[in-house]
Amino acid sequence: MAALVHSGHCSTVRSIIALDVDYFYCQVELRKRPNIDRNHPVAAFQRNLVVTCNYPARAAGVKKLMLVKDARDVCPGLILLDASDLQDYRVACSEIICLLKDMLGGAAVENLGLDEFFIDVTEIVCRRKEYNSCTTSFKGYCWPSKDCDSYNLLENEELRNFVVASHLCLEIREAIKSKLQLTCSGGISNSKLLSKLAAGLHKPDEQTIILPHLVESYLNNLDLRKLPGIGSVTYQSLVDHFCVSTCEQLRFVPVERLLEAFGKRTGIRLYHICRGIDEESVRDTSLVKSISCEERFAKTECWSEILRYLRIVVERLLDRLVEHARVSSGRYGRLLVVTYLKTLSTKRESISCNVPFDVIRLCSLCNSLKSSSSECFEKFSNLYRSTLKQLENRCIQLLRIRLGSDFSLCLVSVGVKNFVTLKEVDQTSHPNSIISLIQRSEAKSTFSSVVGQTSSREPMKCCICNAFLNMEMSNEDINRHIDKCLCMESHDKSMNKNVLDGFIKSKKPKVSLTSSQCSIGT
């Protein structure tokens, strides 16, 4: 029931690898503390709950979501590590994605949460199989046992695909272990559903294959609660309505009754997953659409308090933007969004504008910083500090414009959207855009013809100060002009409601704060 994939001269069943980082939070904390023995019971906690623990701690009785107090009672020698700050875990996730991209090129990588990854290696397997005809043994476990000698791997092309995939999975896991000091459990099968289930069969630091012709046998006695997407409510409904608790029992329920009881979407999914049918593709989530950070607090009407929280949020956001740019070839966002929640409101309100120039410059350049010299580090640090200040000032100005002097807030959030890469923008960018400013020294002559085409365009008018702006102005100059206009205390407040409305509509990328961009969000 697996979908066939056609790639050039190769037509084969899909090969999907699932990676699950073992006790992720603990491992990230432990690699920062090499003096702690990994065979000692260790748990990571947030607030007063254990979020994960290593296997020695599990053997002592510590469980996920157990109260810290109870965990200490069960295991008196337990080492507890604070996992409240998620920044280190986001960085570790980005490092894994970066490593996978470097190893696998254009293969789609989808991550769930911070510690689970799906990789579609079908095309890579096809290419490797042509050059690796002598590979005849699986790596890792092959359900239901490790003994795979009974399979005729040389004559069965489908089985040879999974042989190659198992070797590839082992290479990936060993690379993550050696370069990032993180162990992973792996699963290989023909779908995301089955590869995820396979990854959980032998943990930690092992891998398992579920071959397509064994899927039905594997699922027969599998508890429905172990299937992804079936929670306690759905499971209880299945027990109450149909008296079923395993995949084999669920197969005997007619699809019409499932649709009647659970609706079209859930009913069809239940019908499929109990048969091992999952044709969902691996979505490349390494290319994020937006990055944001927020801070919730007790209500305040004091600007100094708002600014303190805003600075915390902005610094976290810039760290994440730089980390994302580093692992994604300098991708950057072009739209800055500041969101806030008034104390007596249930709806979040947003105001947006173009990102400051230095943010784009920092993200575009950080990926190319290969040198680790002190001079290089100092230059980057100076740019980071100036960018942080510029981003803080822009967010403060936007909030002052929208809020005025009468406000009461309990949340602020800052995010960046509309991500692109230099390569994506290069072909369509204006000759005086930020991209051209960054690349002008390398490609000055490339845009000469475009300059001639745009020189006759009408001048741009700023609706804040009503000044005509020269088309030859760079985006950096426009940013400065916006900052100056926003800071003018003498500006008529009635115009702030539709600030920058229609500003420079013909400019690409947009640098205006239009009325359509000032949206209300939930």
Protein backbone atom coordinates (compact mmCIF):
# COMPACT_ATOMS: atom_id res chain seq x y z
CA MET A 1 0.00 0.00 0.00
CA ALA A 2 3.02 2.27 -0.13
CA ALA A 3 3.21 4.94 -2.77
CA LEU A 4 5.65 4.43 -5.59
CA VAL A 5 8.23 7.10 -6.28
CA HIS A 6 9.62 7.63 -9.77
CA SER A 7 13.03 9.26 -9.91
CA GLY A 8 14.77 9.20 -13.27
CA HIS A 9 15.46 5.54 -14.05
CA CYS A 10 14.58 4.48 -10.50
CA SER A 11 11.05 3.41 -9.55
CA THR A 12 10.81 2.24 -5.98
CA VAL A 13 8.91 2.19 -2.71
CA ARG A 14 9.68 5.18 -0.52
CA SER A 15 12.51 4.97 2.02
CA ILE A 16 11.85 7.14 5.09
CA ILE A 17 14.21 7.51 8.05
CA ALA A 18 12.96 8.70 11.44
CA LEU A 19 15.42 9.96 14.04
CA ASP A 20 14.52 10.38 17.72
CA VAL A 21 17.20 12.00 19.90
CA ASP A 22 17.47 10.00 23.13
CA TYR A 23 16.45 11.90 26.30
CA PHE A 24 17.07 15.11 24.37
CA TYR A 25 16.99 17.74 27.12
CA CYS A 26 19.26 15.66 29.34
CA GLN A 27 21.78 15.03 26.58
CA VAL A 28 22.00 18.73 25.69
CA GLU A 29 22.60 19.57 29.35
CA LEU A 30 25.08 16.73 29.80
CA ARG A 31 27.24 17.75 26.87
CA LYS A 32 27.65 21.14 28.59
CA ARG A 33 28.77 19.29 31.72
CA PRO A 34 31.28 16.61 30.61
CA ASN A 35 32.27 16.03 34.25
CA ILE A 36 28.93 14.31 34.97
CA ASP A 37 28.98 10.54 34.51
CA ARG A 38 26.39 9.57 31.89
CA ASN A 39 25.76 6.31 33.74
CA HIS A 40 24.55 8.29 36.75
CA PRO A 41 20.77 8.99 37.07
CA VAL A 42 20.09 12.44 35.55
CA ALA A 43 16.81 14.25 34.88
CA ALA A 44 15.91 17.58 33.25
CA PHE A 45 13.09 19.59 34.80
CA GLN A 46 10.95 22.62 34.02
CA ARG A 47 9.22 24.36 36.92
CA ASN A 48 8.42 21.43 39.23
CA LEU A 49 8.05 18.65 36.63
CA VAL A 50 10.54 16.18 35.14
CA VAL A 51 10.46 16.62 31.35
CA THR A 52 12.89 13.78 30.56
CA CYS A 53 15.52 11.61 32.18
CA ASN A 54 18.28 9.25 31.10
CA TYR A 55 17.96 5.48 31.20
CA PRO A 56 19.72 4.93 34.56
CA ALA A 57 17.14 7.29 36.09
CA ARG A 58 14.29 5.41 34.37
CA ALA A 59 15.64 2.15 35.74
CA ALA A 60 15.46 3.72 39.22
CA GLY A 61 11.77 4.56 38.73
CA VAL A 62 11.88 8.17 37.53
CA LYS A 63 9.25 8.92 34.88
CA LYS A 64 8.41 11.74 32.52
CA LEU A 65 6.08 14.43 33.98
CA MET A 66 6.76 13.19 37.50
CA LEU A 67 6.92 15.85 40.20
CA VAL A 68 10.51 16.78 41.07
CA LYS A 69 9.79 16.02 44.73
CA ASP A 70 8.54 12.52 43.89
CA ALA A 71 11.52 11.93 41.58
CA ARG A 72 13.90 12.74 44.43
CA ASP A 73 12.02 10.36 46.71
CA VAL A 74 12.21 7.55 44.15
CA CYS A 75 15.88 8.19 43.30
CA PRO A 76 17.73 10.04 46.11
CA GLY A 77 20.96 10.31 44.09
CA LEU A 78 19.21 11.87 41.08
CA ILE A 79 21.00 14.83 39.47
CA LEU A 80 18.45 17.48 38.42
CA LEU A 81 19.29 19.93 35.61
CA ASP A 82 17.20 23.02 34.88
CA ALA A 83 15.75 22.96 31.35
CA SER A 84 13.71 26.19 31.55
CA ASP A 85 15.70 28.10 28.91
CA LEU A 86 14.93 26.57 25.52
CA GLN A 87 17.66 28.44 23.63
CA ASP A 88 20.26 25.67 23.96
CA TYR A 89 17.76 23.08 22.72
CA ARG A 90 16.83 25.20 19.69
CA VAL A 91 20.53 25.53 18.89
CA ALA A 92 21.01 21.74 19.19
CA CYS A 93 18.02 21.17 16.90
CA SER A 94 19.47 23.62 14.35
CA GLU A 95 22.84 21.88 14.54
CA ILE A 96 21.23 18.55 13.71
CA ILE A 97 19.32 20.03 10.77
CA CYS A 98 22.49 21.71 9.50
CA LEU A 99 24.41 18.44 9.72
CA LEU A 100 21.66 16.53 7.91
CA LYS A 101 21.55 19.12 5.15
CA ASP A 102 25.32 18.98 4.74
CA MET A 103 25.29 15.18 4.55
CA LEU A 104 22.20 14.69 2.40
CA GLY A 105 22.11 17.73 0.16
CA GLY A 106 18.60 18.45 -1.07
CA ALA A 107 16.81 15.70 0.87
CA ALA A 108 13.67 16.92 2.64
CA VAL A 109 14.12 17.13 6.43
CA GLU A 110 11.06 17.54 8.64
CA ASN A 111 11.40 18.06 12.38
CA LEU A 112 8.70 17.56 15.01
CA GLY A 113 9.28 19.51 18.18
CA LEU A 114 13.00 19.76 18.79
CA ASP A 115 14.10 16.14 18.95
CA GLU A 116 12.34 14.19 16.17
CA PHE A 117 13.27 14.25 12.48
CA PHE A 118 11.96 12.61 9.30
CA ILE A 119 14.14 12.30 6.20
CA ASP A 120 13.00 11.12 2.76
CA VAL A 121 16.08 9.31 1.42
CA THR A 122 14.37 7.58 -1.51
CA GLU A 123 16.40 9.30 -4.23
CA ILE A 124 19.66 8.96 -2.30
CA VAL A 125 18.99 5.24 -1.87
CA CYS A 126 18.38 4.90 -5.61
CA ARG A 127 21.69 6.56 -6.44
CA ARG A 128 23.65 4.61 -3.83
CA LYS A 129 22.17 1.30 -4.91
CA GLU A 130 23.57 1.73 -8.41
CA TYR A 131 27.11 2.14 -7.08
CA ASN A 132 26.89 -0.20 -4.08
CA SER A 133 25.72 -3.48 -5.57
CA CYS A 134 27.69 -5.56 -3.06
CA THR A 135 25.87 -4.31 0.06
CA THR A 136 23.88 -7.35 1.22
CA SER A 137 23.36 -6.99 4.98
CA PHE A 138 21.09 -4.85 7.13
CA LYS A 139 22.49 -2.54 9.79
CA GLY A 140 20.68 -2.59 13.12
CA TYR A 141 17.55 -4.56 13.96
CA CYS A 142 15.02 -5.82 11.44
CA TRP A 143 11.63 -6.51 12.98
CA PRO A 144 10.77 -9.05 14.36
CA SER A 145 14.40 -10.04 15.05
CA LYS A 146 17.95 -9.12 14.12
CA ASP A 147 18.34 -12.25 12.00
CA CYS A 148 17.80 -11.29 8.35
CA ASP A 149 19.70 -14.17 6.75
CA SER A 150 16.48 -15.73 5.46
CA TYR A 151 15.88 -12.85 3.03
CA ASN A 152 17.23 -13.12 -0.51
CA LEU A 153 18.61 -9.59 -0.63
CA LEU A 154 20.39 -9.93 -3.97
CA GLU A 155 17.22 -10.79 -5.91
CA ASN A 156 14.69 -8.63 -4.05
CA GLU A 157 15.12 -5.04 -5.16
CA GLU A 158 12.69 -3.67 -2.57
CA LEU A 159 14.64 -5.27 0.27
CA ARG A 160 17.93 -3.96 -1.11
CA ASN A 161 16.49 -0.43 -0.92
CA PHE A 162 16.10 -0.84 2.83
CA VAL A 163 19.55 -2.41 3.15
CA VAL A 164 21.03 0.77 1.65
CA ALA A 165 18.74 2.93 3.80
CA SER A 166 19.90 1.11 6.95
CA HIS A 167 23.55 1.83 6.09
CA LEU A 168 22.68 5.48 5.46
CA CYS A 169 20.79 5.74 8.75
CA LEU A 170 23.79 4.35 10.62
CA GLU A 171 26.10 6.88 8.95
CA ILE A 172 23.78 9.72 9.98
CA ARG A 173 23.51 8.55 13.58
CA GLU A 174 27.27 8.08 13.89
CA ALA A 175 27.90 11.57 12.46
CA ILE A 176 25.48 13.15 14.95
CA LYS A 177 27.09 11.20 17.78
CA SER A 178 30.68 12.08 16.87
CA LYS A 179 30.18 15.71 15.86
CA LEU A 180 27.38 16.82 18.20
CA GLN A 181 27.78 14.35 21.11
CA LEU A 182 24.11 13.33 20.83
CA THR A 183 22.82 9.77 20.42
CA CYS A 184 19.74 9.01 18.34
CA SER A 185 17.43 6.05 17.82
CA GLY A 186 16.52 5.41 14.20
CA GLY A 187 13.62 3.87 12.34
CA ILE A 188 13.47 2.90 8.66
CA SER A 189 10.36 1.99 6.70
CA ASN A 190 8.22 3.07 3.76
CA SER A 191 6.23 5.81 5.55
CA LYS A 192 6.50 8.40 8.31
CA LEU A 193 4.05 6.43 10.48
CA LEU A 194 5.99 3.16 10.35
CA SER A 195 9.46 4.70 10.58
CA LYS A 196 8.40 6.59 13.72
CA LEU A 197 7.07 3.39 15.27
CA ALA A 198 10.27 1.54 14.28
CA ALA A 199 12.46 4.18 15.96
CA GLY A 200 10.86 3.40 19.30
CA LEU A 201 11.41 -0.37 19.19
CA HIS A 202 15.07 -0.46 20.26
CA LYS A 203 16.27 2.46 22.34
CA PRO A 204 18.63 4.07 23.06
CA ASP A 205 21.24 4.50 20.32
CA GLU A 206 19.92 1.73 18.04
CA GLN A 207 17.96 1.49 14.81
CA THR A 208 15.20 -0.78 13.52
CA ILE A 209 13.70 -1.59 10.11
CA ILE A 210 10.07 -2.55 9.50
CA LEU A 211 9.89 -4.05 6.01
CA PRO A 212 6.73 -3.36 3.97
CA HIS A 213 5.65 -7.02 3.69
CA LEU A 214 5.79 -7.34 7.52
CA VAL A 215 3.70 -4.24 8.31
CA GLU A 216 0.42 -6.10 8.81
CA SER A 217 2.06 -8.65 11.13
CA TYR A 218 3.70 -5.89 13.16
CA LEU A 219 0.49 -3.92 13.57
CA ASN A 220 -1.80 -6.87 14.41
CA ASN A 221 -1.35 -6.81 18.19
CA LEU A 222 -0.21 -3.20 18.50
CA ASP A 223 -2.10 -1.18 21.08
CA LEU A 224 -3.95 1.67 19.37
CA ARG A 225 -2.61 4.12 21.96
CA LYS A 226 0.86 3.68 20.49
CA LEU A 227 -0.23 5.03 17.11
CA PRO A 228 0.64 8.71 16.49
CA GLY A 229 -2.49 10.86 16.54
CA ILE A 230 -4.60 8.59 18.73
CA GLY A 231 -4.92 10.25 22.12
CA SER A 232 -6.74 9.13 25.23
CA VAL A 233 -10.09 10.62 24.12
CA THR A 234 -10.06 8.95 20.68
CA TYR A 235 -8.90 5.66 22.18
CA GLN A 236 -11.68 5.67 24.78
CA SER A 237 -14.23 6.43 22.07
CA LEU A 238 -13.02 3.45 20.06
CA VAL A 239 -13.31 1.21 23.11
CA ASP A 240 -16.78 2.54 23.99
CA HIS A 241 -18.23 2.47 20.47
CA PHE A 242 -16.58 -0.60 18.94
CA CYS A 243 -14.89 -2.51 21.80
CA VAL A 244 -11.53 -2.44 19.98
CA SER A 245 -8.06 -1.83 21.42
CA THR A 246 -5.66 -3.17 18.75
CA CYS A 247 -5.05 -2.46 15.07
CA GLU A 248 -6.23 -5.94 14.05
CA GLN A 249 -9.56 -5.42 15.83
CA LEU A 250 -10.00 -1.96 14.30
CA ARG A 251 -9.63 -3.37 10.78
CA PHE A 252 -12.94 -5.19 11.18
CA VAL A 253 -14.84 -1.93 11.80
CA PRO A 254 -16.47 -0.73 8.54
CA VAL A 255 -15.23 2.63 7.31
CA GLU A 256 -18.82 3.93 7.23
CA ARG A 257 -19.15 3.47 10.98
CA LEU A 258 -15.82 5.19 11.60
CA LEU A 259 -16.93 8.15 9.49
CA GLU A 260 -20.22 8.31 11.37
CA ALA A 261 -18.53 8.23 14.78
CA PHE A 262 -15.48 10.44 14.16
CA GLY A 263 -16.19 12.50 11.06
CA LYS A 264 -14.56 12.31 7.63
CA ARG A 265 -11.00 13.38 8.46
CA THR A 266 -10.44 11.33 11.63
CA GLY A 267 -12.50 8.38 10.37
CA ILE A 268 -10.45 7.99 7.19
CA ARG A 269 -7.18 8.35 9.12
CA LEU A 270 -8.19 5.63 11.59
CA TYR A 271 -9.15 3.35 8.70
CA HIS A 272 -5.75 3.88 7.09
CA ILE A 273 -3.31 3.81 10.00
CA CYS A 274 -4.55 0.50 11.42
CA ARG A 275 -3.58 -0.95 8.02
CA GLY A 276 -0.21 0.80 7.94
CA ILE A 277 -1.26 3.15 5.14
CA ASP A 278 0.39 6.58 5.33
CA GLU A 279 1.21 8.47 2.15
CA GLU A 280 1.96 11.78 3.86
CA SER A 281 5.10 13.27 2.37
CA VAL A 282 8.07 14.56 4.33
CA ARG A 283 7.73 18.34 4.45
CA ASP A 284 10.94 20.32 4.54
CA THR A 285 10.42 22.31 7.75
CA SER A 286 14.05 23.44 7.95
CA LEU A 287 12.92 26.53 6.00
CA VAL A 288 10.83 28.32 8.61
CA LYS A 289 8.17 30.86 7.65
CA SER A 290 8.45 32.99 10.78
CA ILE A 291 10.42 33.29 14.00
CA SER A 292 9.04 35.06 17.07
CA CYS A 293 9.61 35.40 20.80
CA GLU A 294 7.24 36.68 23.45
CA GLU A 295 7.14 37.55 27.13
CA ARG A 296 4.05 37.45 29.34
CA PHE A 297 3.94 39.41 32.59
CA ALA A 298 1.64 40.93 35.18
CA LYS A 299 -0.26 43.95 33.87
CA THR A 300 1.77 47.12 33.74
CA GLU A 301 1.22 50.72 32.71
CA CYS A 302 4.86 51.70 33.13
CA TRP A 303 6.97 52.32 30.03
CA SER A 304 10.19 51.34 31.79
CA GLU A 305 8.73 47.90 32.55
CA ILE A 306 7.54 47.46 28.97
CA LEU A 307 10.96 48.41 27.66
CA ARG A 308 12.67 45.96 30.00
CA TYR A 309 10.55 43.06 28.75
CA LEU A 310 10.86 44.23 25.15
CA ARG A 311 14.66 44.19 25.35
CA ILE A 312 14.60 40.62 26.69
CA VAL A 313 12.37 39.50 23.81
CA VAL A 314 14.38 41.33 21.14
CA GLU A 315 17.67 39.81 22.29
CA ARG A 316 16.20 36.29 22.25
CA LEU A 317 14.76 36.92 18.79
CA LEU A 318 18.04 38.18 17.34
CA ASP A 319 19.88 35.13 18.71
CA ARG A 320 17.39 32.86 16.97
CA LEU A 321 17.58 34.82 13.71
CA VAL A 322 21.37 34.55 13.69
CA GLU A 323 21.28 30.84 14.48
CA HIS A 324 18.73 30.22 11.73
CA ALA A 325 20.77 32.24 9.23
CA ARG A 326 23.89 30.27 10.15
CA VAL A 327 22.31 26.88 9.40
CA SER A 328 20.22 27.96 6.40
CA SER A 329 22.72 29.75 4.16
CA GLY A 330 21.93 33.25 5.35
CA ARG A 331 18.10 33.26 5.19
CA TYR A 332 16.59 36.39 6.66
CA GLY A 333 13.12 37.84 7.22
CA ARG A 334 11.92 41.08 5.68
CA LEU A 335 8.89 41.93 7.83
CA LEU A 336 9.13 42.91 11.50
CA VAL A 337 5.98 42.34 13.59
CA VAL A 338 5.46 43.69 17.11
CA THR A 339 2.48 42.16 18.90
CA TYR A 340 0.98 43.10 22.26
CA LEU A 341 -1.97 42.13 24.44
CA LYS A 342 -3.90 44.69 26.44
CA THR A 343 -4.82 43.70 29.95
CA LEU A 344 -8.62 43.85 29.45
CA SER A 345 -8.56 42.35 25.95
CA THR A 346 -8.57 38.80 24.63
CA LYS A 347 -7.27 39.71 21.18
CA ARG A 348 -3.67 40.40 20.35
CA GLU A 349 -2.93 43.47 18.27
CA SER A 350 -0.02 43.79 15.87
CA ILE A 351 1.89 46.51 14.08
CA SER A 352 4.51 45.77 11.45
CA CYS A 353 7.12 47.37 9.22
CA ASN A 354 10.28 46.49 7.34
CA VAL A 355 13.12 45.02 9.40
CA PRO A 356 16.05 47.34 10.12
CA PHE A 357 18.85 47.16 7.62
CA ASP A 358 21.46 45.84 10.06
CA VAL A 359 19.32 42.79 10.86
CA ILE A 360 19.39 41.74 7.21
CA ARG A 361 23.10 42.52 6.96
CA LEU A 362 23.88 40.47 10.06
CA CYS A 363 21.85 37.45 8.90
CA SER A 364 23.27 37.64 5.39
CA LEU A 365 26.85 37.75 6.57
CA CYS A 366 26.89 35.46 9.62
CA ASN A 367 26.78 32.29 7.50
CA SER A 368 29.97 33.30 5.66
CA LEU A 369 32.03 33.86 8.81
CA LYS A 370 34.35 30.87 8.55
CA SER A 371 37.24 32.36 10.48
CA SER A 372 37.40 31.96 14.25
CA SER A 373 40.06 34.63 14.74
CA SER A 374 39.68 37.21 17.48
CA GLU A 375 39.49 40.00 14.88
CA CYS A 376 36.66 38.28 13.03
CA PHE A 377 34.84 37.62 16.29
CA GLU A 378 35.21 41.25 17.35
CA LYS A 379 33.80 42.55 14.07
CA PHE A 380 30.83 40.24 14.31
CA SER A 381 30.26 41.19 17.97
CA ASN A 382 30.28 44.89 17.11
CA LEU A 383 27.77 44.35 14.31
CA TYR A 384 25.61 42.23 16.62
CA ARG A 385 25.51 44.95 19.30
CA SER A 386 24.62 47.70 16.84
CA THR A 387 21.96 45.49 15.25
CA LEU A 388 20.46 44.69 18.65
CA LYS A 389 20.23 48.39 19.47
CA GLN A 390 18.69 49.22 16.10
CA LEU A 391 16.11 46.46 16.44
CA GLU A 392 15.22 47.55 19.99
CA ASN A 393 14.74 51.15 18.88
CA ARG A 394 12.50 50.18 15.97
CA CYS A 395 10.26 48.04 18.21
CA ILE A 396 10.06 50.78 20.85
CA GLN A 397 9.10 53.35 18.24
CA LEU A 398 6.35 51.14 16.84
CA LEU A 399 4.88 50.53 20.29
CA ARG A 400 5.00 54.22 21.22
CA ILE A 401 3.15 55.13 18.05
CA ARG A 402 0.40 52.59 18.58
CA LEU A 403 -0.02 52.85 22.37
CA GLY A 404 0.58 56.49 23.09
CA SER A 405 0.60 57.30 26.81
CA ASP A 406 -2.58 55.49 27.94
CA PHE A 407 -2.11 51.70 28.00
CA SER A 408 -2.04 48.58 30.16
CA LEU A 409 -0.26 45.52 28.75
CA CYS A 410 0.34 41.94 29.88
CA LEU A 411 2.26 40.56 26.86
CA VAL A 412 4.72 41.71 24.21
CA SER A 413 5.95 39.66 21.25
CA VAL A 414 8.40 40.42 18.46
CA GLY A 415 8.68 38.33 15.32
CA VAL A 416 10.07 38.30 11.80
CA LYS A 417 8.28 36.93 8.72
CA ASN A 418 8.69 36.69 4.93
CA PHE A 419 11.96 34.76 4.94
CA VAL A 420 14.09 34.65 1.81
CA THR A 421 17.68 33.87 0.84
CA LEU A 422 20.12 35.99 -1.11
CA LYS A 423 19.78 33.60 -4.06
CA GLU A 424 15.97 33.90 -4.09
CA VAL A 425 16.05 37.70 -4.09
CA ASP A 426 19.10 38.23 -6.28
CA GLN A 427 17.30 37.81 -9.61
CA THR A 428 14.46 40.21 -8.81
CA SER A 429 16.02 42.71 -6.41
CA HIS A 430 16.07 46.43 -7.15
CA PRO A 431 19.58 47.72 -8.00
CA ASN A 432 19.53 49.89 -4.86
CA SER A 433 18.02 47.27 -2.56
CA ILE A 434 19.67 45.88 0.53
CA ILE A 435 20.77 42.79 -1.39
CA SER A 436 22.56 44.94 -3.93
CA LEU A 437 24.19 46.94 -1.17
CA ILE A 438 25.61 43.75 0.29
CA GLN A 439 26.74 42.37 -3.05
CA ARG A 440 27.59 45.59 -4.90
CA SER A 441 31.34 45.11 -4.64
CA GLU A 442 31.03 41.71 -6.30
CA ALA A 443 28.34 42.37 -8.88
CA LYS A 444 28.37 46.09 -9.59
CA SER A 445 28.06 45.71 -13.34
CA THR A 446 25.29 43.11 -13.20
CA PHE A 447 22.57 45.64 -12.40
CA SER A 448 23.60 48.46 -14.73
CA SER A 449 20.82 47.74 -17.21
CA VAL A 450 18.21 47.58 -14.48
CA VAL A 451 19.23 51.01 -13.18
CA GLY A 452 18.51 52.45 -16.58
CA GLN A 453 15.07 50.87 -16.64
CA THR A 454 14.05 52.29 -13.27
CA SER A 455 15.55 55.78 -13.53
CA SER A 456 12.42 57.24 -15.12
CA ARG A 457 10.05 56.09 -12.37
CA GLU A 458 8.17 58.72 -10.37
CA PRO A 459 9.67 59.89 -7.07
CA MET A 460 8.38 58.33 -3.85
CA LYS A 461 6.47 60.41 -1.32
CA CYS A 462 6.60 59.86 2.46
CA CYS A 463 3.15 60.33 3.94
CA ILE A 464 4.65 61.11 7.37
CA CYS A 465 6.63 64.22 6.44
CA ASN A 466 5.25 64.58 2.88
CA ALA A 467 8.79 64.72 1.55
CA PHE A 468 9.64 63.38 -1.89
CA LEU A 469 12.25 60.61 -1.70
CA ASN A 470 14.84 60.10 -4.37
CA MET A 471 14.59 56.79 -6.21
CA GLU A 472 18.36 56.48 -5.81
CA MET A 473 17.99 56.21 -2.02
CA SER A 474 19.17 52.89 -0.64
CA ASN A 475 17.07 50.80 1.73
CA GLU A 476 19.47 51.78 4.50
CA ASP A 477 18.74 55.47 3.85
CA ILE A 478 15.01 54.77 3.76
CA ASN A 479 15.29 52.96 7.10
CA ARG A 480 17.01 55.98 8.60
CA HIS A 481 14.36 58.26 7.17
CA ILE A 482 11.63 56.12 8.75
CA ASP A 483 13.41 56.12 12.12
CA LYS A 484 13.73 59.89 11.99
CA CYS A 485 10.07 60.41 11.10
CA LEU A 486 8.88 58.00 13.77
CA CYS A 487 10.89 59.84 16.42
CA MET A 488 9.50 63.27 15.57
CA GLU A 489 7.54 64.38 18.60
CA SER A 490 5.87 67.17 16.68
CA HIS A 491 4.20 64.79 14.26
CA ASP A 492 0.41 64.91 14.19
CA LYS A 493 -0.86 61.91 16.21
CA SER A 494 -3.92 61.56 14.02
CA MET A 495 -1.68 60.36 11.23
CA ASN A 496 -0.24 57.62 13.43
CA LYS A 497 -3.36 55.52 12.94
CA ASN A 498 -2.44 54.94 9.32
CA VAL A 499 1.29 55.58 9.59
CA LEU A 500 3.21 55.10 6.37
CA ASP A 501 -0.02 54.23 4.55
CA GLY A 502 0.84 53.51 0.95
CA PHE A 503 4.49 54.33 1.53
CA ILE A 504 6.77 53.33 -1.35
CA LYS A 505 4.38 50.72 -2.77
CA SER A 506 6.53 50.24 -5.81
CA LYS A 507 9.65 49.46 -3.79
CA LYS A 508 10.71 45.79 -3.50
CA PRO A 509 11.07 44.42 -0.90
CA LYS A 510 8.41 46.50 0.86
CA VAL A 511 9.69 48.85 3.49
CA SER A 512 6.42 50.51 4.42
CA LEU A 513 4.13 50.15 7.35
CA THR A 514 0.82 50.07 5.54
CA SER A 515 -2.62 50.05 7.05
CA SER A 516 -3.15 46.52 5.73
CA GLN A 517 -0.08 45.37 7.64
CA CYS A 518 -1.40 46.72 10.95
CA SER A 519 -3.55 43.70 11.73
CA ILE A 520 -5.40 42.32 14.70
CA GLY A 521 -4.37 38.76 15.64
CA THR A 522 -5.72 36.19 18.03
